[in-house]
Amino acid sequence: MFGLSMSELLVIGVVFVLFLKPEDLPKLARVMGKIYHQLNSAYRQLIRDLNSLS
């Protein structure tokens, strides 16, 4: 992904979290959870649609 390995992305993520204020961490986790849920739902819908074509 963009020429970055998984370990490099992990390091970038850890550095990003370290620069956040502690009171912002729950909000970040909530937003990331919502994004994950939306992406997962879209993926499942895509799979259902593709399976219904065959």
N, C-alpha and C. Protein backbone atom coordinates (compact mmCIF):
# COMPACT_ATOMS: atom_id res chain seq x y z
N MET A 1 0.85 -1.18 0.00
CA MET A 1 0.00 0.00 0.00
C MET A 1 0.89 1.24 0.00
N PHE A 2 0.92 1.96 -1.09
CA PHE A 2 1.70 3.19 -1.24
C PHE A 2 3.18 2.96 -0.99
N GLY A 3 3.66 1.76 -1.19
CA GLY A 3 5.08 1.47 -1.00
C GLY A 3 5.50 1.38 0.45
N LEU A 4 4.54 1.25 1.37
CA LEU A 4 4.86 1.13 2.79
C LEU A 4 4.54 -0.28 3.26
N SER A 5 5.43 -0.81 4.07
CA SER A 5 5.17 -2.14 4.62
C SER A 5 4.25 -2.01 5.84
N MET A 6 3.75 -3.14 6.29
CA MET A 6 2.84 -3.13 7.44
C MET A 6 3.55 -2.60 8.69
N SER A 7 4.82 -2.94 8.87
CA SER A 7 5.53 -2.47 10.06
C SER A 7 5.73 -0.95 10.02
N GLU A 8 5.95 -0.40 8.84
CA GLU A 8 6.09 1.05 8.72
C GLU A 8 4.77 1.75 9.03
N LEU A 9 3.66 1.18 8.56
CA LEU A 9 2.36 1.75 8.87
C LEU A 9 2.07 1.68 10.37
N LEU A 10 2.49 0.60 11.00
CA LEU A 10 2.30 0.45 12.44
C LEU A 10 3.09 1.51 13.20
N VAL A 11 4.31 1.75 12.80
CA VAL A 11 5.14 2.78 13.46
C VAL A 11 4.51 4.16 13.28
N ILE A 12 4.03 4.46 12.09
CA ILE A 12 3.37 5.74 11.84
C ILE A 12 2.13 5.87 12.73
N GLY A 13 1.36 4.81 12.85
CA GLY A 13 0.18 4.83 13.70
C GLY A 13 0.52 5.05 15.16
N VAL A 14 1.56 4.39 15.65
CA VAL A 14 1.96 4.55 17.05
C VAL A 14 2.44 5.98 17.31
N VAL A 15 3.22 6.53 16.41
CA VAL A 15 3.69 7.91 16.57
C VAL A 15 2.51 8.87 16.55
N PHE A 16 1.54 8.64 15.68
CA PHE A 16 0.35 9.48 15.60
C PHE A 16 -0.41 9.46 16.93
N VAL A 17 -0.60 8.27 17.50
CA VAL A 17 -1.33 8.15 18.77
C VAL A 17 -0.56 8.81 19.91
N LEU A 18 0.77 8.74 19.88
CA LEU A 18 1.57 9.36 20.94
C LEU A 18 1.42 10.87 20.98
N PHE A 19 1.14 11.49 19.83
CA PHE A 19 1.01 12.94 19.78
C PHE A 19 -0.40 13.43 20.11
N LEU A 20 -1.34 12.51 20.29
CA LEU A 20 -2.69 12.91 20.68
C LEU A 20 -2.76 13.14 22.17
N LYS A 21 -3.69 13.99 22.57
CA LYS A 21 -3.92 14.17 24.00
C LYS A 21 -4.67 12.95 24.52
N PRO A 22 -4.43 12.54 25.75
CA PRO A 22 -5.09 11.34 26.28
C PRO A 22 -6.62 11.43 26.25
N GLU A 23 -7.17 12.63 26.41
CA GLU A 23 -8.63 12.74 26.39
C GLU A 23 -9.21 12.58 24.99
N ASP A 24 -8.37 12.65 23.95
CA ASP A 24 -8.83 12.46 22.57
C ASP A 24 -8.84 10.99 22.15
N LEU A 25 -8.19 10.13 22.91
CA LEU A 25 -8.09 8.72 22.51
C LEU A 25 -9.45 8.02 22.44
N PRO A 26 -10.36 8.21 23.40
CA PRO A 26 -11.67 7.55 23.26
C PRO A 26 -12.44 8.00 22.02
N LYS A 27 -12.35 9.30 21.71
CA LYS A 27 -13.03 9.81 20.52
C LYS A 27 -12.42 9.19 19.26
N LEU A 28 -11.10 9.10 19.21
CA LEU A 28 -10.43 8.48 18.08
C LEU A 28 -10.85 7.02 17.93
N ALA A 29 -10.89 6.29 19.03
CA ALA A 29 -11.28 4.89 18.98
C ALA A 29 -12.72 4.74 18.48
N ARG A 30 -13.60 5.62 18.92
CA ARG A 30 -15.00 5.58 18.49
C ARG A 30 -15.11 5.85 16.98
N VAL A 31 -14.40 6.85 16.51
CA VAL A 31 -14.43 7.18 15.07
C VAL A 31 -13.85 6.04 14.25
N MET A 32 -12.73 5.49 14.70
CA MET A 32 -12.12 4.38 13.96
C MET A 32 -13.04 3.16 13.95
N GLY A 33 -13.75 2.91 15.05
CA GLY A 33 -14.70 1.81 15.09
C GLY A 33 -15.84 2.00 14.12
N LYS A 34 -16.35 3.24 14.02
CA LYS A 34 -17.43 3.52 13.08
C LYS A 34 -16.95 3.34 11.64
N ILE A 35 -15.75 3.82 11.34
CA ILE A 35 -15.21 3.67 10.00
C ILE A 35 -15.03 2.20 9.65
N TYR A 36 -14.50 1.43 10.60
CA TYR A 36 -14.32 -0.01 10.38
C TYR A 36 -15.67 -0.68 10.11
N HIS A 37 -16.67 -0.33 10.90
CA HIS A 37 -18.00 -0.92 10.75
C HIS A 37 -18.58 -0.60 9.37
N GLN A 38 -18.45 0.65 8.93
CA GLN A 38 -18.97 1.05 7.63
C GLN A 38 -18.25 0.33 6.49
N LEU A 39 -16.94 0.22 6.58
CA LEU A 39 -16.18 -0.48 5.54
C LEU A 39 -16.53 -1.96 5.52
N ASN A 40 -16.68 -2.56 6.69
CA ASN A 40 -17.02 -3.97 6.78
C ASN A 40 -18.42 -4.22 6.21
N SER A 41 -19.36 -3.33 6.51
CA SER A 41 -20.71 -3.47 5.98
C SER A 41 -20.73 -3.35 4.46
N ALA A 42 -19.98 -2.39 3.94
CA ALA A 42 -19.91 -2.21 2.49
C ALA A 42 -19.29 -3.44 1.83
N TYR A 43 -18.26 -3.99 2.44
CA TYR A 43 -17.61 -5.19 1.90
C TYR A 43 -18.58 -6.37 1.88
N ARG A 44 -19.30 -6.57 2.98
CA ARG A 44 -20.27 -7.68 3.03
C ARG A 44 -21.37 -7.51 1.99
N GLN A 45 -21.84 -6.26 1.81
CA GLN A 45 -22.87 -6.00 0.80
C GLN A 45 -22.34 -6.28 -0.60
N LEU A 46 -21.11 -5.90 -0.87
CA LEU A 46 -20.49 -6.17 -2.17
C LEU A 46 -20.41 -7.66 -2.42
N ILE A 47 -19.98 -8.42 -1.42
CA ILE A 47 -19.89 -9.88 -1.57
C ILE A 47 -21.27 -10.47 -1.83
N ARG A 48 -22.30 -10.00 -1.10
CA ARG A 48 -23.66 -10.49 -1.32
C ARG A 48 -24.12 -10.19 -2.75
N ASP A 49 -23.85 -8.96 -3.21
CA ASP A 49 -24.25 -8.60 -4.57
C ASP A 49 -23.54 -9.43 -5.61
N LEU A 50 -22.24 -9.66 -5.42
CA LEU A 50 -21.50 -10.48 -6.38
C LEU A 50 -21.98 -11.93 -6.37
N ASN A 51 -22.31 -12.45 -5.21
CA ASN A 51 -22.80 -13.83 -5.13
C ASN A 51 -24.19 -13.97 -5.77
N SER A 52 -24.99 -12.91 -5.69
CA SER A 52 -26.34 -12.99 -6.27
C SER A 52 -26.28 -12.94 -7.80
N LEU A 53 -25.19 -12.45 -8.36
CA LEU A 53 -25.07 -12.42 -9.82
C LEU A 53 -24.86 -13.80 -10.41
N SER A 54 -24.26 -14.68 -9.64
CA SER A 54 -23.96 -16.01 -10.19
C SER A 54 -25.04 -17.02 -9.89
